[in-house]
């Protein structure tokens, strides 16, 4: 029998012990061994790939901890991507939710409200910091065109009786708005008046009046006109012989419309040669302008095209031009000279004044000529004064003693004042002489020129930030024009047709005895459609003393029994 087999010790089989296992020893013999001494193979089952190997308890615990950690990490990550149901979460970055909708859940945890996004570009919506109720589309009031809305008794918006067409105000419906304030023609009667007073109060006065003229204008406030010119205005100028005011911007000249209070296009396609920096109007209505390259253009009698009139021979820029009542034309240049054309004929001749930064020119109705000089700058100017030539003859003499950087100058033909603008403000020389009076306002350093129409002073404001470049004005502190009319109060009856009536009636209350009874409205007289003044009940008395004894006041009319018209004296 082969001996190539394991042997079992008989003595081990005879032992009565628990927790034994049959193992092979180093000699190849089978023997019983304690279970606790059995050793597992030394390997990390988490990294092992051999078939049949299993995890021990330690390795299982490691795997469980790893799974729990991954689960917590994934939950935190996905909570940042998707909104939860029961917890507050911060949302950042780009998120997609309900296919472009934001949904609101109710207490039952079901979606009840959605906000949808129809924007095609980036938008930001800011809610005010207060509680409130979101209005529905049906809550938004959509009224009739031009109708002014009002709140009704329930607090909802409805249409009112008043309509605003943009230029007219209308009460009740209308076909065509004809007047500044208009009432419906379908109604039989329209009334404007004060409300009836309550018991214990007198009735209120009600006055309709035309406009007053003004003795003076004392409010010195610079006002931006908002002329809305398509390019920056470079100059304004006015006439010494009319109320015309002109402005130039680019290749277009504009004229001030006194009715609308705005500038409208006067002439276009002008030759500028840089900029138009000055202009004037002659006693006969000829209009001139001078451009930056020292050329003068003329429009004859205020009509037709502007044509080249003359060229000024010297100076860096053409800046100013004026014409005196005797038709002498003066032109000046920056870093240059003053030139004169006598009686609007012949050449422009240097009048002999030193080279200066002449900014602008003007003349008064006595043929005196004034010029404003600019101050220090990179062009070489060293002074800044006002100079005057008397009666269009002789030298220009310095008027002011204080150094100022002058820009615009204009003569006020109505009040007889000389206005000048500088970098420090707007000044006035009373009567065109004396000391410059600071009016306490300023157009700013870059007010290039001045113009005047009655008591309104105009200036361009060109060297300013975008949006401030415009035409500015303010009312001068002037006594105004003499012998001005007050506004006419016109009472018009409606015009009838054919033999129909058209009357103005005068109605008052009729006195009763002292007490609480209201007076009755009583027609006193009327003017009929033929122009006749008809008295309804003119009192009748035999003579003056009888009329006075009856209580008629002095100046009151009465008639005699035969119809003779009398006045109480």
Protein backbone atom coordinates (compact mmCIF):
# COMPACT_ATOMS: atom_id res chain seq x y z
CA UNK A 1 0.00 0.00 0.00
CA UNK A 2 1.27 3.45 -0.95
CA UNK A 3 2.53 5.65 1.77
CA UNK A 4 1.96 8.89 -0.25
CA UNK A 5 -0.92 10.10 1.87
CA UNK A 6 -1.65 12.14 4.98
CA UNK A 7 -1.61 10.54 8.35
CA UNK A 8 -3.90 11.40 11.20
CA UNK A 9 -2.61 11.27 14.69
CA UNK A 10 -4.75 8.77 16.64
CA UNK A 11 -4.09 10.58 19.86
CA UNK A 12 -5.64 13.79 18.49
CA UNK A 13 -8.76 11.90 17.54
CA UNK A 14 -9.17 10.70 21.11
CA UNK A 15 -9.24 14.25 22.54
CA UNK A 16 -12.64 15.56 23.57
CA UNK A 17 -12.14 19.31 22.79
CA UNK A 18 -14.28 21.94 20.98
CA UNK A 19 -13.41 24.54 18.34
CA UNK A 20 -10.90 22.30 16.58
CA UNK A 21 -10.22 22.15 12.87
CA UNK A 22 -8.29 19.52 10.89
CA UNK A 23 -5.18 21.04 9.27
CA UNK A 24 -1.94 19.86 7.66
CA UNK A 25 1.27 20.52 9.58
CA UNK A 26 4.78 21.07 8.21
CA UNK A 27 5.37 17.30 7.99
CA UNK A 28 2.29 16.75 5.92
CA UNK A 29 0.46 15.13 8.78
CA UNK A 30 -3.17 15.86 9.61
CA UNK A 31 -3.77 17.20 13.06
CA UNK A 32 -6.44 19.08 14.99
CA UNK A 33 -5.76 22.80 15.54
CA UNK A 34 -7.62 25.59 17.37
CA UNK A 35 -9.85 27.61 15.07
CA UNK A 36 -8.49 30.86 16.51
CA UNK A 37 -5.05 30.15 15.14
CA UNK A 38 -6.20 30.03 11.53
CA UNK A 39 -4.75 33.00 9.47
CA UNK A 40 -6.30 34.50 6.36
CA UNK A 41 -4.27 35.24 3.28
CA UNK A 42 -2.57 38.63 3.42
CA UNK A 43 -4.31 40.65 0.66
CA UNK A 44 -6.43 43.86 0.33
CA UNK A 45 -9.68 42.64 -1.08
CA UNK A 46 -10.66 46.22 -2.16
CA UNK A 47 -7.77 46.17 -4.64
CA UNK A 48 -7.80 42.40 -5.42
CA UNK A 49 -9.22 40.91 -8.60
CA UNK A 50 -8.69 37.13 -8.10
CA UNK A 51 -11.86 35.08 -8.22
CA UNK A 52 -13.12 33.51 -5.01
CA UNK A 53 -11.65 36.05 -2.60
CA UNK A 54 -13.96 37.69 -0.09
CA UNK A 55 -14.03 40.84 2.13
CA UNK A 56 -13.35 40.64 5.80
CA UNK A 57 -15.20 42.91 8.29
CA UNK A 58 -12.53 45.59 8.29
CA UNK A 59 -12.63 45.94 4.51
CA UNK A 60 -16.41 45.99 4.50
CA UNK A 61 -16.39 48.90 6.95
CA UNK A 62 -14.01 50.84 4.72
CA UNK A 63 -16.28 50.24 1.74
CA UNK A 64 -19.37 51.37 3.67
CA UNK A 65 -17.69 54.59 4.81
CA UNK A 66 -16.63 55.29 1.24
CA UNK A 67 -20.15 54.80 -0.10
CA UNK A 68 -21.65 57.04 2.58
CA UNK A 69 -19.11 59.75 1.84
CA UNK A 70 -19.82 59.61 -1.89
CA UNK A 71 -23.56 59.76 -1.25
CA UNK A 72 -23.22 62.89 0.93
CA UNK A 73 -20.92 64.53 -1.60
CA UNK A 74 -23.31 63.85 -4.48
CA UNK A 75 -26.30 65.13 -2.50
CA UNK A 76 -24.52 68.40 -1.72
CA UNK A 77 -23.48 68.76 -5.36
CA UNK A 78 -26.91 68.09 -6.80
CA UNK A 79 -28.55 70.38 -4.23
CA UNK A 80 -26.57 73.24 -5.83
CA UNK A 81 -27.85 72.30 -9.27
CA UNK A 82 -31.53 71.72 -8.55
CA UNK A 83 -33.88 73.50 -6.20
CA UNK A 84 -35.09 71.40 -3.29
CA UNK A 85 -38.60 71.26 -1.92
CA UNK A 86 -38.26 71.80 1.80
CA UNK A 87 -35.00 73.66 2.32
CA UNK A 88 -33.60 77.12 1.52
CA UNK A 89 -30.80 76.98 -1.02
CA UNK A 90 -28.44 79.43 -2.68
CA UNK A 91 -28.50 79.25 -6.47
CA UNK A 92 -25.54 80.50 -8.50
CA UNK A 93 -24.31 80.06 -12.03
CA UNK A 94 -26.44 78.98 -14.97
CA UNK A 95 -29.36 76.75 -13.95
CA UNK A 96 -32.19 75.27 -15.97
CA UNK A 97 -35.49 74.90 -14.16
CA UNK A 98 -38.84 73.81 -15.56
CA UNK A 99 -37.75 74.57 -19.13
CA UNK A 100 -37.36 78.32 -18.66
CA UNK A 101 -40.06 78.70 -15.99
CA UNK A 102 -39.87 79.54 -12.32
CA UNK A 103 -42.49 77.58 -10.40
CA UNK A 104 -44.02 78.25 -7.00
CA UNK A 105 -45.30 75.37 -4.84
CA UNK A 106 -48.17 75.60 -2.39
CA UNK A 107 -48.58 73.93 1.02
CA UNK A 108 -49.64 70.71 -0.71
CA UNK A 109 -46.25 70.67 -2.41
CA UNK A 110 -47.72 71.01 -5.90
CA UNK A 111 -46.90 73.61 -8.50
CA UNK A 112 -49.56 76.32 -8.65
CA UNK A 113 -47.85 79.36 -10.20
CA UNK A 114 -45.28 79.84 -12.92
CA UNK A 115 -43.19 82.78 -14.10
CA UNK A 116 -42.15 82.43 -17.73
CA UNK A 117 -39.27 84.18 -19.46
CA UNK A 118 -39.83 85.52 -22.98
CA UNK A 119 -36.76 87.77 -23.03
CA UNK A 120 -34.47 87.54 -26.05
CA UNK A 121 -31.61 89.45 -24.40
CA UNK A 122 -30.22 90.02 -20.93
CA UNK A 123 -32.68 91.86 -18.69
CA UNK A 124 -32.67 92.95 -15.05
CA UNK A 125 -35.85 93.44 -13.01
CA UNK A 126 -35.73 95.24 -9.66
CA UNK A 127 -38.64 95.02 -7.23
CA UNK A 128 -39.15 97.95 -4.84
CA UNK A 129 -38.27 97.46 -1.19
CA UNK A 130 -41.84 97.28 0.09
CA UNK A 131 -44.84 95.01 0.34
CA UNK A 132 -47.47 95.16 -2.36
CA UNK A 133 -49.98 93.37 -4.52
CA UNK A 134 -49.06 92.40 -8.06
CA UNK A 135 -51.53 93.88 -10.54
CA UNK A 136 -53.12 91.71 -13.19
CA UNK A 137 -53.26 92.63 -16.85
CA UNK A 138 -56.94 93.39 -16.37
CA UNK A 139 -56.03 95.78 -13.54
CA UNK A 140 -54.00 98.00 -15.85
CA UNK A 141 -56.11 100.93 -17.03
CA UNK A 142 -56.28 101.38 -20.79
CA UNK A 143 -58.26 104.51 -21.58
CA UNK A 144 -59.45 106.28 -24.67
CA UNK A 145 -56.84 108.21 -26.68
CA UNK A 146 -56.14 111.71 -25.26
CA UNK A 147 -58.54 111.11 -22.37
CA UNK A 148 -57.31 112.18 -18.92
CA UNK A 149 -58.05 109.37 -16.42
CA UNK A 150 -59.77 109.76 -13.06
CA UNK A 151 -60.53 107.55 -10.07
CA UNK A 152 -64.20 106.64 -9.67
CA UNK A 153 -66.07 106.12 -6.38
CA UNK A 154 -64.70 102.57 -6.04
CA UNK A 155 -61.11 103.70 -6.51
CA UNK A 156 -60.72 102.33 -10.04
CA UNK A 157 -59.38 104.34 -12.95
CA UNK A 158 -61.87 105.42 -15.58
CA UNK A 159 -62.02 108.02 -18.34
CA UNK A 160 -62.78 111.57 -17.28
CA UNK A 161 -64.69 114.20 -19.22
CA UNK A 162 -61.44 116.01 -20.05
CA UNK A 163 -59.34 115.32 -23.12
CA UNK A 164 -55.90 116.72 -23.96
CA UNK A 165 -55.05 116.65 -27.66
CA UNK A 166 -51.54 117.97 -27.06
CA UNK A 167 -52.44 121.51 -28.10
CA UNK A 168 -56.09 121.82 -26.99
CA UNK A 169 -58.06 120.88 -23.85
CA UNK A 170 -61.60 119.63 -24.44
CA UNK A 171 -64.44 118.93 -22.02
CA UNK A 172 -66.60 116.01 -23.17
CA UNK A 173 -66.38 114.41 -26.61
CA UNK A 174 -65.41 116.38 -29.67
CA UNK A 175 -65.09 116.14 -33.43
CA UNK A 176 -62.32 118.69 -34.04
CA UNK A 177 -60.59 120.61 -31.28
CA UNK A 178 -60.71 124.26 -32.36
CA UNK A 179 -59.84 126.26 -29.22
CA UNK A 180 -57.38 126.12 -26.34
CA UNK A 181 -60.30 125.24 -24.03
CA UNK A 182 -63.36 123.80 -25.73
CA UNK A 183 -66.75 122.40 -24.66
CA UNK A 184 -69.03 119.89 -26.34
CA UNK A 185 -71.32 121.41 -28.96
CA UNK A 186 -74.10 118.83 -28.44
CA UNK A 187 -75.02 120.09 -24.98
CA UNK A 188 -77.48 122.96 -24.95
CA UNK A 189 -75.56 124.95 -22.35
CA UNK A 190 -71.97 124.98 -21.04
CA UNK A 191 -71.14 126.87 -17.86
CA UNK A 192 -67.89 128.03 -16.25
CA UNK A 193 -68.22 129.46 -12.78
CA UNK A 194 -67.60 129.25 -9.04
CA UNK A 195 -69.51 126.71 -6.98
CA UNK A 196 -72.51 127.75 -4.93
CA UNK A 197 -71.50 128.76 -1.39
CA UNK A 198 -72.96 127.05 1.64
CA UNK A 199 -75.30 128.82 4.06
CA UNK A 200 -73.49 131.57 5.93
CA UNK A 201 -70.93 132.45 3.24
CA UNK A 202 -70.99 135.06 0.49
CA UNK A 203 -70.77 133.94 -3.10
CA UNK A 204 -67.21 133.90 -4.45
CA UNK A 205 -65.91 136.39 -7.01
CA UNK A 206 -65.13 135.10 -10.48
CA UNK A 207 -62.90 137.06 -12.84
CA UNK A 208 -62.08 136.63 -16.50
CA UNK A 209 -59.25 138.89 -17.59
CA UNK A 210 -56.92 139.47 -20.48
CA UNK A 211 -53.15 139.55 -20.00
CA UNK A 212 -51.35 142.53 -18.52
CA UNK A 213 -48.18 143.96 -19.93
CA UNK A 214 -45.18 144.25 -17.56
CA UNK A 215 -43.39 147.38 -16.43
CA UNK A 216 -40.11 145.49 -15.88
CA UNK A 217 -38.61 142.05 -15.78
CA UNK A 218 -36.49 141.45 -12.70
CA UNK A 219 -36.01 137.68 -12.75
CA UNK A 220 -32.51 137.05 -14.08
CA UNK A 221 -32.41 133.31 -14.75
CA UNK A 222 -30.43 131.63 -17.52
CA UNK A 223 -32.66 129.23 -19.46
CA UNK A 224 -31.55 126.55 -21.88
CA UNK A 225 -33.85 126.86 -24.87
CA UNK A 226 -33.48 123.29 -26.08
CA UNK A 227 -33.40 124.52 -29.67
CA UNK A 228 -32.71 120.98 -30.86
CA UNK A 229 -30.44 122.06 -33.71
CA UNK A 230 -28.82 119.07 -35.47
CA UNK A 231 -25.32 120.49 -34.93
CA UNK A 232 -23.67 122.75 -32.35
CA UNK A 233 -24.72 126.42 -32.69
CA UNK A 234 -21.67 128.61 -33.31
CA UNK A 235 -23.22 132.07 -33.10
CA UNK A 236 -26.36 134.12 -32.58
CA UNK A 237 -26.87 137.66 -33.82
CA UNK A 238 -29.70 140.17 -33.93
CA UNK A 239 -30.79 143.27 -35.80
CA UNK A 240 -30.43 146.80 -34.46
CA UNK A 241 -33.40 147.79 -36.60
CA UNK A 242 -35.97 145.02 -35.96
CA UNK A 243 -36.72 142.24 -33.49
CA UNK A 244 -35.11 139.56 -35.68
CA UNK A 245 -32.72 137.07 -34.08
CA UNK A 246 -30.66 134.55 -36.06
CA UNK A 247 -28.57 131.52 -35.11
CA UNK A 248 -26.03 129.54 -37.13
CA UNK A 249 -25.16 125.87 -36.76
CA UNK A 250 -23.14 124.03 -39.37
CA UNK A 251 -24.27 125.12 -42.84
CA UNK A 252 -27.75 126.21 -41.69
CA UNK A 253 -29.02 129.58 -40.45
CA UNK A 254 -32.07 129.63 -38.17
CA UNK A 255 -34.45 132.46 -37.25
CA UNK A 256 -36.24 132.98 -33.95
CA UNK A 257 -40.03 132.70 -34.15
CA UNK A 258 -41.49 135.02 -31.50
CA UNK A 259 -44.89 133.29 -31.66
CA UNK A 260 -43.67 129.75 -30.95
CA UNK A 261 -40.57 130.79 -28.99
CA UNK A 262 -38.32 128.49 -31.04
CA UNK A 263 -35.79 128.62 -33.88
CA UNK A 264 -36.76 127.39 -37.34
CA UNK A 265 -34.68 126.95 -40.50
CA UNK A 266 -34.08 130.23 -42.35
CA UNK A 267 -31.40 129.33 -44.94
CA UNK A 268 -29.36 126.20 -45.65
CA UNK A 269 -26.33 125.22 -47.71
CA UNK A 270 -24.26 128.12 -46.36
CA UNK A 271 -20.54 128.34 -47.09
CA UNK A 272 -18.88 128.11 -43.70
CA UNK A 273 -15.15 127.70 -44.23
CA UNK A 274 -14.97 126.24 -40.72
CA UNK A 275 -17.66 128.02 -38.71
CA UNK A 276 -19.93 131.05 -38.90
CA UNK A 277 -18.92 133.31 -36.02
CA UNK A 278 -20.86 136.53 -36.57
CA UNK A 279 -23.68 138.25 -38.44
CA UNK A 280 -25.82 141.36 -38.67
CA UNK A 281 -28.88 142.86 -40.38
CA UNK A 282 -28.91 146.21 -42.19
CA UNK A 283 -31.56 148.96 -41.83
CA UNK A 284 -33.02 147.79 -45.18
CA UNK A 285 -33.21 144.10 -44.20
CA UNK A 286 -30.02 142.80 -45.81
CA UNK A 287 -28.53 139.91 -43.82
CA UNK A 288 -24.77 139.33 -43.54
CA UNK A 289 -22.57 136.68 -41.94
CA UNK A 290 -18.79 136.27 -41.59
CA UNK A 291 -17.15 132.85 -41.47
CA UNK A 292 -13.97 131.51 -39.95
CA UNK A 293 -11.87 132.01 -43.11
CA UNK A 294 -12.74 135.76 -43.12
CA UNK A 295 -15.29 135.75 -45.95
CA UNK A 296 -18.50 137.82 -45.74
CA UNK A 297 -21.73 136.62 -47.38
CA UNK A 298 -24.86 138.70 -48.03
CA UNK A 299 -28.56 138.03 -48.55
CA UNK A 300 -30.27 141.03 -50.18
CA UNK A 301 -33.51 142.30 -48.59
CA UNK A 302 -33.78 139.14 -46.50
CA UNK A 303 -34.68 136.88 -49.44
CA UNK A 304 -32.86 134.54 -51.79
CA UNK A 305 -29.46 132.92 -51.46
CA UNK A 306 -26.40 134.17 -49.60
CA UNK A 307 -23.64 135.19 -52.03
CA UNK A 308 -19.98 136.11 -51.43
CA UNK A 309 -19.82 139.80 -50.59
CA UNK A 310 -16.20 140.45 -49.59
CA UNK A 311 -13.07 138.92 -48.10
CA UNK A 312 -11.24 140.36 -45.08
CA UNK A 313 -7.48 140.52 -45.82
CA UNK A 314 -5.89 139.84 -42.43
CA UNK A 315 -6.36 137.98 -39.14
CA UNK A 316 -6.49 134.41 -37.95
CA UNK A 317 -10.30 134.06 -37.93
CA UNK A 318 -13.24 136.15 -39.04
CA UNK A 319 -15.24 136.79 -35.87
CA UNK A 320 -17.58 139.81 -35.97
CA UNK A 321 -19.57 142.10 -38.25
CA UNK A 322 -21.96 145.03 -37.70
CA UNK A 323 -23.61 147.77 -39.72
CA UNK A 324 -24.37 151.30 -38.47
CA UNK A 325 -27.50 153.35 -39.27
CA UNK A 326 -25.45 155.30 -41.82
CA UNK A 327 -24.65 151.92 -43.49
CA UNK A 328 -20.96 151.72 -42.59
CA UNK A 329 -20.06 148.03 -42.30
CA UNK A 330 -17.40 146.94 -39.79
CA UNK A 331 -15.74 143.52 -39.64
CA UNK A 332 -13.13 142.21 -37.19
CA UNK A 333 -10.79 139.25 -36.93
CA UNK A 334 -9.26 137.23 -34.12
CA UNK A 335 -5.53 137.95 -33.70
CA UNK A 336 -6.12 140.58 -36.35
CA UNK A 337 -7.62 143.99 -37.12
CA UNK A 338 -10.85 146.01 -37.48
CA UNK A 339 -11.90 146.79 -41.04
CA UNK A 340 -14.51 149.25 -42.35
CA UNK A 341 -16.50 149.61 -45.56
CA UNK A 342 -17.88 153.16 -45.83
CA UNK A 343 -21.58 153.44 -46.73
CA UNK A 344 -21.65 149.77 -47.78
CA UNK A 345 -19.55 150.44 -50.88
CA UNK A 346 -15.92 149.91 -51.86
CA UNK A 347 -13.23 147.90 -50.13
CA UNK A 348 -12.86 147.02 -46.47
CA UNK A 349 -10.07 149.23 -45.06
CA UNK A 350 -8.01 148.71 -41.88
CA UNK A 351 -9.08 151.44 -39.45
CA UNK A 352 -5.63 151.46 -37.83
CA UNK A 353 -6.26 149.73 -34.51
CA UNK A 354 -3.55 147.46 -33.05
CA UNK A 355 -3.60 143.71 -33.63
CA UNK A 356 -5.84 142.16 -30.95
CA UNK A 357 -8.09 139.18 -30.38
CA UNK A 358 -11.26 140.94 -31.57
CA UNK A 359 -14.20 138.68 -30.69
CA UNK A 360 -17.33 140.55 -31.81
CA UNK A 361 -18.76 143.90 -32.93
CA UNK A 362 -21.97 145.88 -32.46
CA UNK A 363 -23.20 149.42 -33.07
CA UNK A 364 -25.88 151.66 -31.58
CA UNK A 365 -28.43 153.93 -33.25
CA UNK A 366 -26.06 156.93 -33.03
CA UNK A 367 -23.45 155.28 -35.27
CA UNK A 368 -21.17 154.45 -32.32
CA UNK A 369 -19.28 151.18 -32.80
CA UNK A 370 -18.22 148.80 -30.01
CA UNK A 371 -15.89 145.80 -30.09
CA UNK A 372 -15.09 143.12 -27.51
CA UNK A 373 -11.56 141.80 -27.12
CA UNK A 374 -10.76 138.30 -25.88
CA UNK A 375 -8.21 137.73 -23.14
CA UNK A 376 -5.03 135.69 -22.71
CA UNK A 377 -4.85 132.49 -24.70
CA UNK A 378 -2.51 130.40 -26.80
CA UNK A 379 -3.22 132.59 -29.84
CA UNK A 380 -1.18 135.45 -28.40
CA UNK A 381 -3.80 137.71 -26.85
CA UNK A 382 -2.65 139.84 -23.92
CA UNK A 383 -5.63 142.07 -23.06
CA UNK A 384 -9.36 141.80 -22.73
CA UNK A 385 -11.24 145.11 -22.90
CA UNK A 386 -14.21 146.84 -24.56
CA UNK A 387 -13.40 149.55 -27.11
CA UNK A 388 -15.68 152.24 -28.56
CA UNK A 389 -15.52 154.46 -31.66
CA UNK A 390 -17.74 157.56 -31.57
CA UNK A 391 -19.97 158.39 -34.52
CA UNK A 392 -18.29 155.88 -36.83
CA UNK A 393 -15.12 157.99 -36.92
CA UNK A 394 -11.69 158.21 -35.27
CA UNK A 395 -9.91 155.83 -32.92
CA UNK A 396 -11.40 153.16 -30.69
CA UNK A 397 -10.96 154.07 -27.02
CA UNK A 398 -10.85 151.65 -24.11
CA UNK A 399 -14.07 151.77 -22.05
CA UNK A 400 -13.37 149.49 -19.08
CA UNK A 401 -10.46 149.42 -16.66
CA UNK A 402 -10.71 145.84 -15.36
CA UNK A 403 -9.11 143.06 -17.33
CA UNK A 404 -11.79 140.61 -18.51
CA UNK A 405 -11.93 137.94 -21.17
CA UNK A 406 -14.78 139.24 -23.34
CA UNK A 407 -16.71 137.09 -25.81
CA UNK A 408 -20.06 138.49 -27.01
CA UNK A 409 -21.33 142.05 -27.30
CA UNK A 410 -24.72 143.43 -28.39
CA UNK A 411 -26.57 146.76 -28.33
CA UNK A 412 -30.08 146.94 -26.85
CA UNK A 413 -31.87 149.36 -29.16
CA UNK A 414 -34.92 149.62 -26.91
CA UNK A 415 -33.39 150.32 -23.50
CA UNK A 416 -30.19 151.92 -24.85
CA UNK A 417 -27.86 149.51 -23.03
CA UNK A 418 -24.71 147.65 -24.06
CA UNK A 419 -24.54 143.99 -22.97
CA UNK A 420 -21.31 141.98 -22.92
CA UNK A 421 -20.51 138.41 -21.91
CA UNK A 422 -17.25 137.16 -20.48
CA UNK A 423 -15.78 134.20 -18.67
CA UNK A 424 -16.94 135.70 -15.37
CA UNK A 425 -20.52 136.68 -16.19
CA UNK A 426 -22.87 138.95 -18.12
CA UNK A 427 -22.29 142.70 -17.84
CA UNK A 428 -24.12 145.86 -18.82
CA UNK A 429 -22.81 149.31 -19.74
CA UNK A 430 -25.67 151.70 -19.00
CA UNK A 431 -26.20 153.94 -22.02
CA UNK A 432 -23.14 152.38 -23.64
CA UNK A 433 -20.66 154.05 -21.29
CA UNK A 434 -19.44 154.12 -17.72
CA UNK A 435 -18.47 151.09 -15.66
CA UNK A 436 -19.40 147.51 -16.50
CA UNK A 437 -22.18 146.32 -14.17
CA UNK A 438 -22.15 142.60 -13.33
CA UNK A 439 -25.72 141.27 -13.65
CA UNK A 440 -24.96 138.30 -11.42
CA UNK A 441 -25.50 135.63 -14.08
CA UNK A 442 -23.23 133.85 -16.52
CA UNK A 443 -23.63 132.03 -19.80
CA UNK A 444 -20.23 130.43 -19.19
CA UNK A 445 -16.82 131.12 -20.67
CA UNK A 446 -17.69 129.84 -24.10
CA UNK A 447 -20.68 132.10 -24.82
CA UNK A 448 -19.45 132.97 -28.29
CA UNK A 449 -21.88 135.74 -29.25
CA UNK A 450 -24.90 137.66 -27.94
CA UNK A 451 -28.20 138.66 -29.52
CA UNK A 452 -31.23 140.51 -28.18
CA UNK A 453 -34.93 140.72 -29.01
CA UNK A 454 -36.77 143.29 -26.91
CA UNK A 455 -35.92 142.21 -23.35
CA UNK A 456 -34.65 138.67 -24.12
CA UNK A 457 -30.89 138.19 -24.32
CA UNK A 458 -29.61 135.17 -26.28
CA UNK A 459 -26.23 133.45 -26.31
CA UNK A 460 -24.65 130.35 -27.81
CA UNK A 461 -22.91 127.99 -25.40
CA UNK A 462 -20.53 125.94 -27.52
CA UNK A 463 -17.50 124.98 -25.43
CA UNK A 464 -19.36 122.65 -23.08
CA UNK A 465 -19.97 119.00 -22.44
CA UNK A 466 -22.24 117.09 -24.79
CA UNK A 467 -25.85 117.96 -24.03
CA UNK A 468 -25.04 121.49 -22.82
CA UNK A 469 -24.23 122.88 -26.26
CA UNK A 470 -27.30 124.92 -27.07
CA UNK A 471 -28.79 128.40 -27.26
CA UNK A 472 -29.45 130.04 -23.89
CA UNK A 473 -31.50 133.09 -22.97
CA UNK A 474 -32.60 135.20 -20.05
CA UNK A 475 -34.82 138.24 -19.51
CA UNK A 476 -32.93 141.45 -18.87
CA UNK A 477 -33.83 143.76 -16.01
CA UNK A 478 -35.32 146.39 -18.27
CA UNK A 479 -38.06 148.97 -18.00
CA UNK A 480 -39.45 147.44 -21.17
CA UNK A 481 -41.06 149.07 -24.18
CA UNK A 482 -43.01 152.33 -23.69
CA UNK A 483 -46.77 152.60 -24.31
CA UNK A 484 -47.47 148.86 -24.32
CA UNK A 485 -51.04 147.62 -24.78
CA UNK A 486 -52.88 145.49 -22.30
CA UNK A 487 -54.54 142.34 -23.58
CA UNK A 488 -58.00 142.83 -25.09
CA UNK A 489 -60.85 141.08 -23.28
CA UNK A 490 -63.06 139.78 -26.05
CA UNK A 491 -66.59 138.55 -25.38
CA UNK A 492 -68.03 136.77 -28.34
CA UNK A 493 -71.52 135.46 -28.83
CA UNK A 494 -71.88 132.41 -31.02
CA UNK A 495 -72.49 133.26 -34.65
CA UNK A 496 -75.92 132.17 -35.92
CA UNK A 497 -77.14 131.49 -39.41
CA UNK A 498 -79.43 133.54 -41.63
CA UNK A 499 -82.01 135.34 -39.46
CA UNK A 500 -80.97 133.44 -36.35
CA UNK A 501 -80.04 135.24 -33.11
CA UNK A 502 -76.56 136.01 -31.78
CA UNK A 503 -76.70 137.86 -28.46
CA UNK A 504 -74.65 138.83 -25.43
CA UNK A 505 -76.80 138.98 -22.30
CA UNK A 506 -76.10 140.66 -18.96
CA UNK A 507 -77.75 138.92 -16.03
CA UNK A 508 -77.65 139.72 -12.31
CA UNK A 509 -79.63 138.78 -9.24
CA UNK A 510 -82.70 140.84 -8.27
CA UNK A 511 -82.79 142.18 -4.71
CA UNK A 512 -85.64 141.12 -2.45
CA UNK A 513 -86.52 142.13 1.09
CA UNK A 514 -84.03 141.38 3.83
CA UNK A 515 -84.17 137.72 4.74
CA UNK A 516 -83.07 134.24 3.77
CA UNK A 517 -84.77 134.04 0.39
CA UNK A 518 -82.42 133.68 -2.60
CA UNK A 519 -82.49 136.34 -5.30
CA UNK A 520 -83.65 135.41 -8.75
CA UNK A 521 -81.52 135.75 -11.86
CA UNK A 522 -82.77 138.69 -13.91
CA UNK A 523 -81.85 139.68 -17.46
CA UNK A 524 -80.87 143.38 -17.45
CA UNK A 525 -79.90 144.05 -21.05
CA UNK A 526 -78.50 142.42 -24.11
CA UNK A 527 -76.70 143.25 -27.33
CA UNK A 528 -78.51 141.64 -30.22
CA UNK A 529 -77.31 140.35 -33.57
CA UNK A 530 -77.83 143.78 -35.15
CA UNK A 531 -75.55 145.46 -32.63
CA UNK A 532 -78.43 147.12 -30.74
CA UNK A 533 -78.11 147.52 -26.97
CA UNK A 534 -81.51 146.68 -25.52
CA UNK A 535 -82.41 147.57 -21.90
CA UNK A 536 -84.97 145.20 -20.46
CA UNK A 537 -86.23 147.49 -17.68
CA UNK A 538 -84.54 150.92 -17.63
CA UNK A 539 -86.03 152.94 -14.72
CA UNK A 540 -88.35 155.84 -15.60
CA UNK A 541 -88.31 159.16 -13.69
CA UNK A 542 -89.39 162.65 -14.55
CA UNK A 543 -86.14 164.40 -13.56
CA UNK A 544 -82.82 164.11 -11.72
CA UNK A 545 -84.14 164.90 -8.24
CA UNK A 546 -86.90 162.32 -8.53
CA UNK A 547 -84.37 159.70 -9.63
CA UNK A 548 -82.06 160.49 -6.68
CA UNK A 549 -85.00 160.40 -4.27
CA UNK A 550 -85.85 156.94 -5.62
CA UNK A 551 -82.35 155.72 -4.74
CA UNK A 552 -80.59 155.79 -8.12
CA UNK A 553 -76.81 156.34 -7.70
CA UNK A 554 -74.91 159.12 -9.45
CA UNK A 555 -73.92 157.99 -12.95
CA UNK A 556 -76.92 155.68 -13.33
CA UNK A 557 -79.00 155.87 -16.49
CA UNK A 558 -82.78 156.40 -16.52
CA UNK A 559 -85.37 157.59 -18.98
CA UNK A 560 -88.30 159.96 -18.87
CA UNK A 561 -91.85 159.01 -19.69
CA UNK A 562 -91.28 160.17 -23.26
CA UNK A 563 -88.16 158.01 -23.64
CA UNK A 564 -85.51 160.67 -23.18
CA UNK A 565 -82.29 159.06 -21.84
CA UNK A 566 -80.84 160.72 -18.76
CA UNK A 567 -77.89 160.20 -16.36
CA UNK A 568 -78.09 160.90 -12.63
CA UNK A 569 -75.70 163.67 -11.57
